[in-house]
Amino acid sequence: MTGPIQTLILCGGRGTRLRELTETVPKVLVEVGGRPILWHIMTTYVHQGFTDFVLALGYLGNEVEDYFGGADAGLHRSADQSIRFIDTGPDTNTGGRILLAKDAIAGDTFFATYGDGLSDLDLGRLLAFHRAHGRAATVTVVRPQLQFGMVELDDEGGVVTFTEKPRLDGWVNGGFFVFDRRVFDYLDGDPVLEQEPLRHLAADGQLMAFRHEGFWACMDTYKDTLALNAAWNSGDAPWCTWLER
């Protein structure tokens, strides 16, 4: 199968750690700089030439459809993007949402991402990396900045060094994936993607990591929302690679 590379965005979670804002709106519509975070994520893809989207909806999914002006037969088209909406239920797990979107994925390879992460990731390089290694799955890994200062002590309890909010030494899941259709063989029922599916892919030698050293942030809590809005308001929003500010 050939055609445009689609991007599957998981938009259905309840955002319970953001309940100050998600009682009445889905997490993906929480605003950064006056626009939903979903808009920022999609604009990142569109700016880099990837304009075909599948949105896996759930909690308050009708609000997401309304934001785009509704849809006929689950498909919305505009001048620069195609969007298909899939209802995956309010309480479905991440792997389950991907599995339920299977029939909406037309090609052999597709992007997948969460609806709460922002990055200046080079998507073209990510896709090229995935195609070059030939495995079923690629996960982008990042080294986020820690929330706390790190203290190094000597044997007597003396402070040797104090580093304010350093970057993590190790790598964590940054939430920007590329999958081949083979990934569906690792999804059964309603799995949590980050548990058995990724573990089994890794055990089978079918999972590779793309290291991203640039900007990455996740809007997981109200504090994260404030930080992202502060970055936008200050004119320092590194994920907005499409803007000249």
C-alpha atoms as a PDB file:
ATOM      1  CA  MET A   1       0.000   0.000   0.000  1.00  0.00           C
ATOM      2  CA  THR A   2       1.207   3.460  -0.813  1.00  0.00           C
ATOM      3  CA  GLY A   3       0.017   6.993  -0.221  1.00  0.00           C
ATOM      4  CA  PRO A   4       0.572   9.857   2.180  1.00  0.00           C
ATOM      5  CA  ILE A   5       2.074   8.995   5.555  1.00  0.00           C
ATOM      6  CA  GLN A   6      -0.727   9.266   8.086  1.00  0.00           C
ATOM      7  CA  THR A   7      -0.364  10.534  11.629  1.00  0.00           C
ATOM      8  CA  LEU A   8      -2.423   8.882  14.355  1.00  0.00           C
ATOM      9  CA  ILE A   9      -2.916  11.141  17.385  1.00  0.00           C
ATOM     10  CA  LEU A  10      -4.270   9.678  20.619  1.00  0.00           C
ATOM     11  CA  CYS A  11      -6.850  12.238  21.751  1.00  0.00           C
ATOM     12  CA  GLY A  12      -9.130  10.243  24.009  1.00  0.00           C
ATOM     13  CA  GLY A  13      -7.662  10.349  27.515  1.00  0.00           C
ATOM     14  CA  ARG A  14      -9.406  11.995  30.449  1.00  0.00           C
ATOM     15  CA  GLY A  15      -6.402  14.083  31.519  1.00  0.00           C
ATOM     16  CA  THR A  16      -7.058  13.391  35.191  1.00  0.00           C
ATOM     17  CA  ARG A  17      -3.849  15.101  36.314  1.00  0.00           C
ATOM     18  CA  LEU A  18      -5.121  18.235  34.581  1.00  0.00           C
ATOM     19  CA  ARG A  19      -8.599  18.068  36.062  1.00  0.00           C
ATOM     20  CA  GLU A  20      -8.502  21.805  36.824  1.00  0.00           C
ATOM     21  CA  LEU A  21      -8.949  22.281  33.072  1.00  0.00           C
ATOM     22  CA  THR A  22     -10.364  19.006  31.764  1.00  0.00           C
ATOM     23  CA  GLU A  23     -13.683  18.860  33.578  1.00  0.00           C
ATOM     24  CA  THR A  24     -15.361  20.497  30.590  1.00  0.00           C
ATOM     25  CA  VAL A  25     -12.862  20.156  27.728  1.00  0.00           C
ATOM     26  CA  PRO A  26     -10.730  17.237  26.550  1.00  0.00           C
ATOM     27  CA  LYS A  27      -7.036  17.488  27.304  1.00  0.00           C
ATOM     28  CA  VAL A  28      -6.097  17.988  23.655  1.00  0.00           C
ATOM     29  CA  LEU A  29      -8.151  21.200  23.586  1.00  0.00           C
ATOM     30  CA  VAL A  30      -6.404  22.755  26.595  1.00  0.00           C
ATOM     31  CA  GLU A  31      -4.854  25.925  25.222  1.00  0.00           C
ATOM     32  CA  VAL A  32      -1.259  27.021  24.838  1.00  0.00           C
ATOM     33  CA  GLY A  33      -0.914  30.544  23.528  1.00  0.00           C
ATOM     34  CA  GLY A  34      -4.627  30.795  22.849  1.00  0.00           C
ATOM     35  CA  ARG A  35      -4.821  27.630  20.717  1.00  0.00           C
ATOM     36  CA  PRO A  36      -5.390  23.985  21.715  1.00  0.00           C
ATOM     37  CA  ILE A  37      -2.275  21.909  22.213  1.00  0.00           C
ATOM     38  CA  LEU A  38      -3.677  19.629  19.507  1.00  0.00           C
ATOM     39  CA  TRP A  39      -3.384  22.542  17.062  1.00  0.00           C
ATOM     40  CA  HIS A  40       0.287  22.960  17.971  1.00  0.00           C
ATOM     41  CA  ILE A  41       0.967  19.240  17.467  1.00  0.00           C
ATOM     42  CA  MET A  42      -0.826  19.088  14.127  1.00  0.00           C
ATOM     43  CA  THR A  43       0.817  22.294  12.914  1.00  0.00           C
ATOM     44  CA  THR A  44       4.221  20.733  13.649  1.00  0.00           C
ATOM     45  CA  TYR A  45       3.356  17.858  11.316  1.00  0.00           C
ATOM     46  CA  VAL A  46       1.733  20.034   8.641  1.00  0.00           C
ATOM     47  CA  HIS A  47       4.707  22.401   8.578  1.00  0.00           C
ATOM     48  CA  GLN A  48       6.959  19.431   7.794  1.00  0.00           C
ATOM     49  CA  GLY A  49       4.703  18.135   5.017  1.00  0.00           C
ATOM     50  CA  PHE A  50       2.641  15.500   6.853  1.00  0.00           C
ATOM     51  CA  THR A  51      -0.994  16.525   6.466  1.00  0.00           C
ATOM     52  CA  ASP A  52      -3.069  13.334   6.745  1.00  0.00           C
ATOM     53  CA  PHE A  53      -4.387  12.747  10.271  1.00  0.00           C
ATOM     54  CA  VAL A  54      -6.385  10.143  12.149  1.00  0.00           C
ATOM     55  CA  LEU A  55      -7.610  11.370  15.533  1.00  0.00           C
ATOM     56  CA  ALA A  56      -8.431   8.610  18.023  1.00  0.00           C
ATOM     57  CA  LEU A  57     -11.151  10.253  20.109  1.00  0.00           C
ATOM     58  CA  GLY A  58     -12.660   9.271  23.439  1.00  0.00           C
ATOM     59  CA  TYR A  59     -13.457  11.477  26.425  1.00  0.00           C
ATOM     60  CA  LEU A  60     -15.454  14.497  25.174  1.00  0.00           C
ATOM     61  CA  GLY A  61     -14.579  13.536  21.625  1.00  0.00           C
ATOM     62  CA  ASN A  62     -17.512  15.545  20.267  1.00  0.00           C
ATOM     63  CA  GLU A  63     -15.731  18.683  21.464  1.00  0.00           C
ATOM     64  CA  VAL A  64     -12.766  17.835  19.254  1.00  0.00           C
ATOM     65  CA  GLU A  65     -15.015  17.284  16.237  1.00  0.00           C
ATOM     66  CA  ASP A  66     -16.799  20.566  16.950  1.00  0.00           C
ATOM     67  CA  TYR A  67     -13.456  22.375  17.058  1.00  0.00           C
ATOM     68  CA  PHE A  68     -12.832  21.284  13.475  1.00  0.00           C
ATOM     69  CA  GLY A  69     -16.351  22.220  12.407  1.00  0.00           C
ATOM     70  CA  GLY A  70     -17.866  18.773  12.493  1.00  0.00           C
ATOM     71  CA  ALA A  71     -17.440  15.959  10.005  1.00  0.00           C
ATOM     72  CA  ASP A  72     -19.362  13.894   7.464  1.00  0.00           C
ATOM     73  CA  ALA A  73     -18.713  10.132   7.621  1.00  0.00           C
ATOM     74  CA  GLY A  74     -15.852  10.800  10.002  1.00  0.00           C
ATOM     75  CA  LEU A  75     -13.791  12.778   7.529  1.00  0.00           C
ATOM     76  CA  HIS A  76     -12.929  16.478   7.563  1.00  0.00           C
ATOM     77  CA  ARG A  77     -10.934  18.102   4.788  1.00  0.00           C
ATOM     78  CA  SER A  78      -9.433  21.542   4.518  1.00  0.00           C
ATOM     79  CA  ALA A  79      -6.993  23.176   2.138  1.00  0.00           C
ATOM     80  CA  ASP A  80      -3.934  21.823   3.911  1.00  0.00           C
ATOM     81  CA  GLN A  81      -4.993  18.730   5.816  1.00  0.00           C
ATOM     82  CA  SER A  82      -7.203  15.661   5.919  1.00  0.00           C
ATOM     83  CA  ILE A  83      -8.614  14.549   9.268  1.00  0.00           C
ATOM     84  CA  ARG A  84     -10.466  11.342  10.069  1.00  0.00           C
ATOM     85  CA  PHE A  85     -12.138  10.939  13.455  1.00  0.00           C
ATOM     86  CA  ILE A  86     -12.331   7.519  15.140  1.00  0.00           C
ATOM     87  CA  ASP A  87     -14.335   6.999  18.336  1.00  0.00           C
ATOM     88  CA  THR A  88     -12.169   4.757  20.526  1.00  0.00           C
ATOM     89  CA  GLY A  89     -14.111   5.175  23.772  1.00  0.00           C
ATOM     90  CA  PRO A  90     -13.515   7.270  26.896  1.00  0.00           C
ATOM     91  CA  ASP A  91     -11.559   4.698  28.904  1.00  0.00           C
ATOM     92  CA  THR A  92      -9.615   2.743  26.286  1.00  0.00           C
ATOM     93  CA  ASN A  93      -5.898   2.269  26.823  1.00  0.00           C
ATOM     94  CA  THR A  94      -3.234   3.636  24.489  1.00  0.00           C
ATOM     95  CA  GLY A  95      -2.583   0.358  22.688  1.00  0.00           C
ATOM     96  CA  GLY A  96      -6.297  -0.296  22.415  1.00  0.00           C
ATOM     97  CA  ARG A  97      -6.845   3.060  20.727  1.00  0.00           C
ATOM     98  CA  ILE A  98      -4.169   2.269  18.153  1.00  0.00           C
ATOM     99  CA  LEU A  99      -5.740  -1.124  17.470  1.00  0.00           C
ATOM    100  CA  LEU A 100      -9.213   0.408  17.032  1.00  0.00           C
ATOM    101  CA  ALA A 101      -7.764   2.817  14.466  1.00  0.00           C
ATOM    102  CA  LYS A 102      -6.342  -0.029  12.371  1.00  0.00           C
ATOM    103  CA  ASP A 103      -8.924   0.173   9.600  1.00  0.00           C
ATOM    104  CA  ALA A 104      -8.404   3.939   9.254  1.00  0.00           C
ATOM    105  CA  ILE A 105      -4.673   3.494   8.603  1.00  0.00           C
ATOM    106  CA  ALA A 106      -4.283   3.111   4.863  1.00  0.00           C
ATOM    107  CA  GLY A 107      -0.539   2.699   4.431  1.00  0.00           C
ATOM    108  CA  ASP A 108       2.187   0.306   5.508  1.00  0.00           C
ATOM    109  CA  THR A 109       3.886   2.930   7.712  1.00  0.00           C
ATOM    110  CA  PHE A 110       2.403   5.623   9.940  1.00  0.00           C
ATOM    111  CA  PHE A 111       3.293   8.131  12.616  1.00  0.00           C
ATOM    112  CA  ALA A 112       1.666   7.874  16.045  1.00  0.00           C
ATOM    113  CA  THR A 113       1.842  10.286  18.943  1.00  0.00           C
ATOM    114  CA  TYR A 114       0.129  11.355  22.120  1.00  0.00           C
ATOM    115  CA  GLY A 115      -2.034  14.462  22.250  1.00  0.00           C
ATOM    116  CA  ASP A 116      -0.003  16.261  24.910  1.00  0.00           C
ATOM    117  CA  GLY A 117       3.626  16.418  23.729  1.00  0.00           C
ATOM    118  CA  LEU A 118       5.414  19.291  21.999  1.00  0.00           C
ATOM    119  CA  SER A 119       8.814  19.131  20.320  1.00  0.00           C
ATOM    120  CA  ASP A 120      11.028  20.626  17.632  1.00  0.00           C
ATOM    121  CA  LEU A 121      11.603  17.094  16.343  1.00  0.00           C
ATOM    122  CA  ASP A 122      12.668  16.671  12.704  1.00  0.00           C
ATOM    123  CA  LEU A 123       9.937  14.298  11.533  1.00  0.00           C
ATOM    124  CA  GLY A 124      11.576  13.689   8.182  1.00  0.00           C
ATOM    125  CA  ARG A 125      14.740  12.429   9.880  1.00  0.00           C
ATOM    126  CA  LEU A 126      12.633  10.275  12.211  1.00  0.00           C
ATOM    127  CA  LEU A 127      10.815   8.683   9.269  1.00  0.00           C
ATOM    128  CA  ALA A 128      14.073   8.148   7.343  1.00  0.00           C
ATOM    129  CA  PHE A 129      15.625   6.493  10.405  1.00  0.00           C
ATOM    130  CA  HIS A 130      12.647   4.157  10.697  1.00  0.00           C
ATOM    131  CA  ARG A 131      12.730   3.168   7.044  1.00  0.00           C
ATOM    132  CA  ALA A 132      16.483   2.577   7.141  1.00  0.00           C
ATOM    133  CA  HIS A 133      16.483   0.092  10.021  1.00  0.00           C
ATOM    134  CA  GLY A 134      13.564  -1.986   8.733  1.00  0.00           C
ATOM    135  CA  ARG A 135      12.108  -2.901  12.136  1.00  0.00           C
ATOM    136  CA  ALA A 136       8.406  -2.726  12.989  1.00  0.00           C
ATOM    137  CA  ALA A 137       8.560   0.220  15.373  1.00  0.00           C
ATOM    138  CA  THR A 138      10.538   3.319  16.273  1.00  0.00           C
ATOM    139  CA  VAL A 139      10.149   5.311  19.474  1.00  0.00           C
ATOM    140  CA  THR A 140      11.604   8.780  19.882  1.00  0.00           C
ATOM    141  CA  VAL A 141      13.562   9.024  23.112  1.00  0.00           C
ATOM    142  CA  VAL A 142      14.414  12.249  24.915  1.00  0.00           C
ATOM    143  CA  ARG A 143      16.308  13.478  27.982  1.00  0.00           C
ATOM    144  CA  PRO A 144      13.929  15.839  29.794  1.00  0.00           C
ATOM    145  CA  GLN A 145      14.925  18.464  32.307  1.00  0.00           C
ATOM    146  CA  LEU A 146      14.378  17.288  35.863  1.00  0.00           C
ATOM    147  CA  GLN A 147      11.994  19.194  38.111  1.00  0.00           C
ATOM    148  CA  PHE A 148      14.406  19.233  41.047  1.00  0.00           C
ATOM    149  CA  GLY A 149      17.974  20.260  41.706  1.00  0.00           C
ATOM    150  CA  MET A 150      20.499  17.432  42.021  1.00  0.00           C
ATOM    151  CA  VAL A 151      22.878  17.283  44.986  1.00  0.00           C
ATOM    152  CA  GLU A 152      26.085  15.238  44.983  1.00  0.00           C
ATOM    153  CA  LEU A 153      27.361  14.357  48.449  1.00  0.00           C
ATOM    154  CA  ASP A 154      30.625  13.074  49.848  1.00  0.00           C
ATOM    155  CA  ASP A 155      30.827  10.205  52.340  1.00  0.00           C
ATOM    156  CA  GLU A 156      30.397  12.556  55.311  1.00  0.00           C
ATOM    157  CA  GLY A 157      27.315  14.301  53.916  1.00  0.00           C
ATOM    158  CA  GLY A 158      29.097  17.350  52.578  1.00  0.00           C
ATOM    159  CA  VAL A 159      27.723  18.860  49.382  1.00  0.00           C
ATOM    160  CA  VAL A 160      30.195  18.385  46.531  1.00  0.00           C
ATOM    161  CA  THR A 161      28.068  19.909  43.776  1.00  0.00           C
ATOM    162  CA  PHE A 162      24.579  21.328  43.389  1.00  0.00           C
ATOM    163  CA  THR A 163      23.021  21.412  39.930  1.00  0.00           C
ATOM    164  CA  GLU A 164      19.697  23.191  39.464  1.00  0.00           C
ATOM    165  CA  LYS A 165      17.282  21.118  37.383  1.00  0.00           C
ATOM    166  CA  PRO A 166      19.747  19.242  35.155  1.00  0.00           C
ATOM    167  CA  ARG A 167      18.752  17.098  32.194  1.00  0.00           C
ATOM    168  CA  LEU A 168      18.170  13.436  32.872  1.00  0.00           C
ATOM    169  CA  ASP A 169      21.207  11.275  32.122  1.00  0.00           C
ATOM    170  CA  GLY A 170      19.081   8.459  30.703  1.00  0.00           C
ATOM    171  CA  TRP A 171      16.463   8.377  27.976  1.00  0.00           C
ATOM    172  CA  VAL A 172      12.666   8.299  28.273  1.00  0.00           C
ATOM    173  CA  ASN A 173       9.798   7.714  25.868  1.00  0.00           C
ATOM    174  CA  GLY A 174       9.141  11.006  24.058  1.00  0.00           C
ATOM    175  CA  GLY A 175       5.868   9.817  22.539  1.00  0.00           C
ATOM    176  CA  PHE A 176       6.631  10.339  18.841  1.00  0.00           C
ATOM    177  CA  PHE A 177       6.465   6.940  17.141  1.00  0.00           C
ATOM    178  CA  VAL A 178       6.716   5.469  13.667  1.00  0.00           C
ATOM    179  CA  PHE A 179       5.036   2.090  13.186  1.00  0.00           C
ATOM    180  CA  ASP A 180       4.691  -0.437  10.389  1.00  0.00           C
ATOM    181  CA  ARG A 181       1.468  -2.399  10.179  1.00  0.00           C
ATOM    182  CA  ARG A 182       3.313  -5.275  11.850  1.00  0.00           C
ATOM    183  CA  VAL A 183       2.734  -3.412  15.128  1.00  0.00           C
ATOM    184  CA  PHE A 184      -0.919  -4.499  15.068  1.00  0.00           C
ATOM    185  CA  ASP A 185       0.244  -8.096  15.602  1.00  0.00           C
ATOM    186  CA  TYR A 186       1.482  -6.975  19.031  1.00  0.00           C
ATOM    187  CA  LEU A 187      -1.845  -5.416  20.055  1.00  0.00           C
ATOM    188  CA  ASP A 188      -4.577  -7.629  21.437  1.00  0.00           C
ATOM    189  CA  GLY A 189      -7.686  -6.550  23.315  1.00  0.00           C
ATOM    190  CA  ASP A 190      -7.129  -3.276  25.131  1.00  0.00           C
ATOM    191  CA  PRO A 191      -3.423  -3.145  26.002  1.00  0.00           C
ATOM    192  CA  VAL A 192      -1.386  -0.292  27.399  1.00  0.00           C
ATOM    193  CA  LEU A 193       1.056   0.400  24.567  1.00  0.00           C
ATOM    194  CA  GLU A 194       3.911   1.204  26.941  1.00  0.00           C
ATOM    195  CA  GLN A 195       3.657  -2.142  28.714  1.00  0.00           C
ATOM    196  CA  GLU A 196       3.441  -5.529  26.974  1.00  0.00           C
ATOM    197  CA  PRO A 197       3.342  -4.355  23.326  1.00  0.00           C
ATOM    198  CA  LEU A 198       6.545  -2.312  23.499  1.00  0.00           C
ATOM    199  CA  ARG A 199       8.211  -4.902  25.714  1.00  0.00           C
ATOM    200  CA  HIS A 200       7.395  -7.667  23.237  1.00  0.00           C
ATOM    201  CA  LEU A 201       8.553  -5.557  20.294  1.00  0.00           C
ATOM    202  CA  ALA A 202      11.837  -4.941  22.096  1.00  0.00           C
ATOM    203  CA  ALA A 203      12.239  -8.626  22.993  1.00  0.00           C
ATOM    204  CA  ASP A 204      11.689  -9.579  19.347  1.00  0.00           C
ATOM    205  CA  GLY A 205      14.265  -7.049  18.163  1.00  0.00           C
ATOM    206  CA  GLN A 206      11.560  -5.022  16.410  1.00  0.00           C
ATOM    207  CA  LEU A 207      11.858  -1.725  18.339  1.00  0.00           C
ATOM    208  CA  MET A 208      14.453   0.961  17.663  1.00  0.00           C
ATOM    209  CA  ALA A 209      15.056   4.288  19.424  1.00  0.00           C
ATOM    210  CA  PHE A 210      15.522   7.621  17.672  1.00  0.00           C
ATOM    211  CA  ARG A 211      17.479   9.954  19.954  1.00  0.00           C
ATOM    212  CA  HIS A 212      16.213  13.535  20.039  1.00  0.00           C
ATOM    213  CA  GLU A 213      18.481  16.019  21.794  1.00  0.00           C
ATOM    214  CA  GLY A 214      16.363  19.097  21.066  1.00  0.00           C
ATOM    215  CA  PHE A 215      13.313  20.578  22.749  1.00  0.00           C
ATOM    216  CA  TRP A 216      10.633  18.330  24.211  1.00  0.00           C
ATOM    217  CA  ALA A 217       7.889  18.997  26.751  1.00  0.00           C
ATOM    218  CA  CYS A 218       4.819  17.154  27.938  1.00  0.00           C
ATOM    219  CA  MET A 219       1.653  18.878  29.174  1.00  0.00           C
ATOM    220  CA  ASP A 220       0.859  16.424  31.927  1.00  0.00           C
ATOM    221  CA  THR A 221      -0.087  18.721  34.813  1.00  0.00           C
ATOM    222  CA  TYR A 222      -1.456  22.199  35.399  1.00  0.00           C
ATOM    223  CA  LYS A 223       2.079  23.334  36.177  1.00  0.00           C
ATOM    224  CA  ASP A 224       3.187  22.095  32.749  1.00  0.00           C
ATOM    225  CA  THR A 225       0.402  24.120  31.144  1.00  0.00           C
ATOM    226  CA  LEU A 226       1.543  27.253  32.910  1.00  0.00           C
ATOM    227  CA  ALA A 227       5.146  26.652  31.837  1.00  0.00           C
ATOM    228  CA  LEU A 228       4.221  26.165  28.171  1.00  0.00           C
ATOM    229  CA  ASN A 229       2.056  29.275  28.153  1.00  0.00           C
ATOM    230  CA  ALA A 230       4.830  31.255  29.824  1.00  0.00           C
ATOM    231  CA  ALA A 231       7.247  30.096  27.114  1.00  0.00           C
ATOM    232  CA  TRP A 232       4.800  31.166  24.415  1.00  0.00           C
ATOM    233  CA  ASN A 233       4.146  34.545  26.020  1.00  0.00           C
ATOM    234  CA  SER A 234       7.867  35.225  26.378  1.00  0.00           C
ATOM    235  CA  GLY A 235       8.453  34.597  22.683  1.00  0.00           C
ATOM    236  CA  ASP A 236      10.548  31.517  23.449  1.00  0.00           C
ATOM    237  CA  ALA A 237       8.468  28.593  22.189  1.00  0.00           C
ATOM    238  CA  PRO A 238      11.036  26.209  20.650  1.00  0.00           C
ATOM    239  CA  TRP A 239       8.419  23.770  19.347  1.00  0.00           C
ATOM    240  CA  CYS A 240       6.977  26.455  17.040  1.00  0.00           C
ATOM    241  CA  THR A 241       9.497  25.882  14.262  1.00  0.00           C
ATOM    242  CA  TRP A 242       6.978  27.282  11.773  1.00  0.00           C
ATOM    243  CA  LEU A 243       7.070  30.735  13.362  1.00  0.00           C
ATOM    244  CA  GLU A 244       9.531  33.560  12.953  1.00  0.00           C
ATOM    245  CA  ARG A 245       9.241  35.316  16.271  1.00  0.00           C
END
